[in-house]
N, C-alpha and C. Protein backbone atom coordinates (compact mmCIF):
# COMPACT_ATOMS: atom_id res chain seq x y z
N THR A 1 0.84 -1.18 0.00
CA THR A 1 0.00 0.00 0.00
C THR A 1 0.89 1.25 0.00
N VAL A 2 0.28 2.37 -0.25
CA VAL A 2 1.02 3.64 -0.22
C VAL A 2 1.57 3.87 1.19
N SER A 3 0.79 3.56 2.20
CA SER A 3 1.23 3.74 3.58
C SER A 3 2.46 2.87 3.89
N ASP A 4 2.40 1.61 3.50
CA ASP A 4 3.54 0.71 3.74
C ASP A 4 4.78 1.17 2.98
N ALA A 5 4.59 1.62 1.75
CA ALA A 5 5.72 2.11 0.95
C ALA A 5 6.35 3.33 1.61
N ALA A 6 5.53 4.20 2.17
CA ALA A 6 6.06 5.39 2.84
C ALA A 6 6.87 5.01 4.08
N ILE A 7 6.43 4.00 4.80
CA ILE A 7 7.19 3.51 5.96
C ILE A 7 8.55 3.00 5.50
N LEU A 8 8.55 2.20 4.46
CA LEU A 8 9.80 1.63 3.96
C LEU A 8 10.72 2.70 3.39
N ALA A 9 10.15 3.68 2.70
CA ALA A 9 10.97 4.74 2.10
C ALA A 9 11.74 5.51 3.16
N ARG A 10 11.12 5.78 4.26
CA ARG A 10 11.78 6.55 5.32
C ARG A 10 12.69 5.67 6.16
N CYS A 11 12.38 4.40 6.26
CA CYS A 11 13.16 3.46 7.08
C CYS A 11 14.57 3.25 6.52
N VAL A 12 14.75 3.49 5.25
CA VAL A 12 16.05 3.26 4.61
C VAL A 12 17.13 4.17 5.19
N ARG A 13 16.75 5.34 5.63
CA ARG A 13 17.74 6.29 6.18
C ARG A 13 18.52 5.68 7.34
N ARG A 14 17.79 5.13 8.30
CA ARG A 14 18.40 4.54 9.50
C ARG A 14 17.58 3.30 9.86
N PRO A 15 17.87 2.18 9.24
CA PRO A 15 17.02 0.99 9.40
C PRO A 15 16.84 0.54 10.85
N SER A 16 17.88 0.57 11.63
CA SER A 16 17.74 0.12 13.02
C SER A 16 16.92 1.10 13.85
N TYR A 17 17.16 2.38 13.66
CA TYR A 17 16.50 3.41 14.45
C TYR A 17 15.03 3.59 14.04
N ASP A 18 14.75 3.54 12.75
CA ASP A 18 13.40 3.79 12.25
C ASP A 18 12.58 2.52 12.02
N ASN A 19 13.07 1.41 12.52
CA ASN A 19 12.41 0.12 12.37
C ASN A 19 11.03 0.12 13.05
N PRO A 20 9.96 -0.20 12.32
CA PRO A 20 8.63 -0.18 12.93
C PRO A 20 8.44 -1.23 14.03
N PHE A 21 9.26 -2.28 14.03
CA PHE A 21 9.17 -3.27 15.10
C PHE A 21 9.77 -2.75 16.40
N ARG A 22 10.72 -1.84 16.29
CA ARG A 22 11.36 -1.27 17.48
C ARG A 22 10.60 -0.06 18.02
N ASN A 23 10.08 0.77 17.12
CA ASN A 23 9.37 1.97 17.56
C ASN A 23 8.31 2.32 16.51
N LEU A 24 7.14 1.76 16.68
CA LEU A 24 6.06 1.97 15.72
C LEU A 24 5.64 3.43 15.67
N GLU A 25 5.61 4.09 16.81
CA GLU A 25 5.19 5.49 16.84
C GLU A 25 6.11 6.37 15.99
N ARG A 26 7.42 6.19 16.13
CA ARG A 26 8.38 6.96 15.33
C ARG A 26 8.24 6.61 13.85
N SER A 27 8.04 5.32 13.57
CA SER A 27 7.88 4.87 12.19
C SER A 27 6.65 5.51 11.54
N LEU A 28 5.56 5.60 12.28
CA LEU A 28 4.34 6.22 11.74
C LEU A 28 4.53 7.72 11.55
N ALA A 29 5.26 8.37 12.45
CA ALA A 29 5.54 9.80 12.28
C ALA A 29 6.37 10.02 11.02
N ASN A 30 7.35 9.15 10.79
CA ASN A 30 8.16 9.25 9.58
C ASN A 30 7.32 8.99 8.33
N ARG A 31 6.42 8.01 8.41
CA ARG A 31 5.51 7.73 7.30
C ARG A 31 4.72 8.98 6.95
N ASP A 32 4.23 9.66 7.98
CA ASP A 32 3.42 10.85 7.75
C ASP A 32 4.21 11.96 7.07
N VAL A 33 5.50 12.05 7.36
CA VAL A 33 6.36 13.03 6.69
C VAL A 33 6.42 12.72 5.19
N VAL A 34 6.66 11.45 4.86
CA VAL A 34 6.73 11.04 3.46
C VAL A 34 5.40 11.29 2.76
N LEU A 35 4.31 10.92 3.41
CA LEU A 35 2.99 11.12 2.80
C LEU A 35 2.69 12.60 2.57
N ALA A 36 3.11 13.45 3.50
CA ALA A 36 2.88 14.89 3.34
C ALA A 36 3.66 15.43 2.15
N VAL A 37 4.89 14.98 1.98
CA VAL A 37 5.69 15.40 0.82
C VAL A 37 5.02 14.93 -0.46
N MET A 38 4.55 13.69 -0.46
CA MET A 38 3.87 13.16 -1.65
C MET A 38 2.61 13.96 -1.98
N ARG A 39 1.87 14.35 -0.95
CA ARG A 39 0.68 15.19 -1.17
C ARG A 39 1.08 16.56 -1.69
N ASP A 40 2.09 17.16 -1.07
CA ASP A 40 2.52 18.50 -1.47
C ASP A 40 3.08 18.53 -2.89
N GLU A 41 3.65 17.42 -3.34
CA GLU A 41 4.20 17.32 -4.70
C GLU A 41 3.16 16.79 -5.70
N ASN A 42 1.90 16.72 -5.25
CA ASN A 42 0.78 16.26 -6.09
C ASN A 42 0.92 14.82 -6.56
N MET A 43 1.61 14.01 -5.77
CA MET A 43 1.69 12.57 -6.05
C MET A 43 0.49 11.84 -5.46
N LEU A 44 -0.13 12.47 -4.47
CA LEU A 44 -1.34 11.94 -3.83
C LEU A 44 -2.40 13.03 -3.79
N THR A 45 -3.64 12.64 -3.96
CA THR A 45 -4.74 13.58 -3.76
C THR A 45 -4.95 13.73 -2.25
N PRO A 46 -5.63 14.76 -1.81
CA PRO A 46 -5.92 14.87 -0.39
C PRO A 46 -6.66 13.65 0.17
N ALA A 47 -7.55 13.07 -0.61
CA ALA A 47 -8.28 11.88 -0.16
C ALA A 47 -7.35 10.68 -0.02
N GLU A 48 -6.43 10.50 -0.98
CA GLU A 48 -5.46 9.40 -0.89
C GLU A 48 -4.54 9.59 0.30
N TYR A 49 -4.14 10.83 0.54
CA TYR A 49 -3.30 11.15 1.69
C TYR A 49 -4.00 10.78 3.00
N ASP A 50 -5.25 11.21 3.14
CA ASP A 50 -6.01 10.90 4.35
C ASP A 50 -6.17 9.40 4.54
N HIS A 51 -6.47 8.70 3.46
CA HIS A 51 -6.64 7.24 3.53
C HIS A 51 -5.34 6.58 3.99
N ALA A 52 -4.22 6.98 3.40
CA ALA A 52 -2.92 6.39 3.75
C ALA A 52 -2.54 6.69 5.19
N ARG A 53 -2.82 7.89 5.65
CA ARG A 53 -2.49 8.25 7.05
C ARG A 53 -3.32 7.47 8.05
N ASN A 54 -4.53 7.13 7.69
CA ASN A 54 -5.42 6.42 8.61
C ASN A 54 -5.26 4.91 8.53
N GLU A 55 -4.47 4.44 7.61
CA GLU A 55 -4.28 2.99 7.44
C GLU A 55 -3.35 2.44 8.53
N GLU A 56 -3.77 1.34 9.11
CA GLU A 56 -2.94 0.66 10.11
C GLU A 56 -1.92 -0.22 9.40
N PRO A 57 -0.65 -0.11 9.76
CA PRO A 57 0.35 -0.97 9.10
C PRO A 57 0.17 -2.43 9.53
N VAL A 58 0.45 -3.32 8.60
CA VAL A 58 0.39 -4.75 8.89
C VAL A 58 1.83 -5.23 8.98
N LEU A 59 2.23 -5.61 10.18
CA LEU A 59 3.60 -6.07 10.40
C LEU A 59 3.60 -7.57 10.61
N ASN A 60 4.58 -8.23 10.05
CA ASN A 60 4.72 -9.67 10.21
C ASN A 60 6.03 -9.95 10.94
N PRO A 61 5.96 -10.12 12.25
CA PRO A 61 7.19 -10.30 13.03
C PRO A 61 7.83 -11.67 12.88
N LYS A 62 7.11 -12.62 12.30
CA LYS A 62 7.67 -13.96 12.16
C LYS A 62 8.56 -14.04 10.93
N ARG A 63 9.67 -14.71 11.08
CA ARG A 63 10.58 -14.91 9.96
C ARG A 63 9.97 -15.93 9.00
N GLN A 64 10.00 -15.62 7.74
CA GLN A 64 9.44 -16.51 6.73
C GLN A 64 10.38 -17.68 6.48
N LYS A 65 9.83 -18.85 6.26
CA LYS A 65 10.63 -20.02 5.91
C LYS A 65 11.24 -19.79 4.54
N GLY A 66 12.47 -20.25 4.39
CA GLY A 66 13.12 -20.13 3.11
C GLY A 66 13.85 -18.81 2.92
N THR A 67 13.94 -17.98 3.95
CA THR A 67 14.69 -16.72 3.80
C THR A 67 16.17 -17.04 3.76
N ILE A 68 16.91 -16.18 3.15
CA ILE A 68 18.35 -16.39 2.97
C ILE A 68 19.05 -16.24 4.32
N GLN A 69 19.86 -17.17 4.65
CA GLN A 69 20.65 -17.14 5.88
C GLN A 69 22.08 -16.75 5.52
N SER A 70 22.70 -15.92 6.35
CA SER A 70 24.10 -15.58 6.11
C SER A 70 24.97 -16.74 6.57
N LYS A 71 26.08 -16.94 5.88
CA LYS A 71 26.98 -18.05 6.20
C LYS A 71 28.04 -17.66 7.18
């Protein structure tokens, strides 16, 4: 979703610090910054912006089977 993409876009700056599993509140605040920029740059309509801001993120804390393991 647009909301999830905004979380990921901002998380790249400092992955450990902005990780939604460590601090969801900070992650959502960062998401809102990205969404506001997208709205201000006319990438989102005001309605799309409101919808994305009100969307609850879906986090999957369980590790998926078959993920790559470091050697």
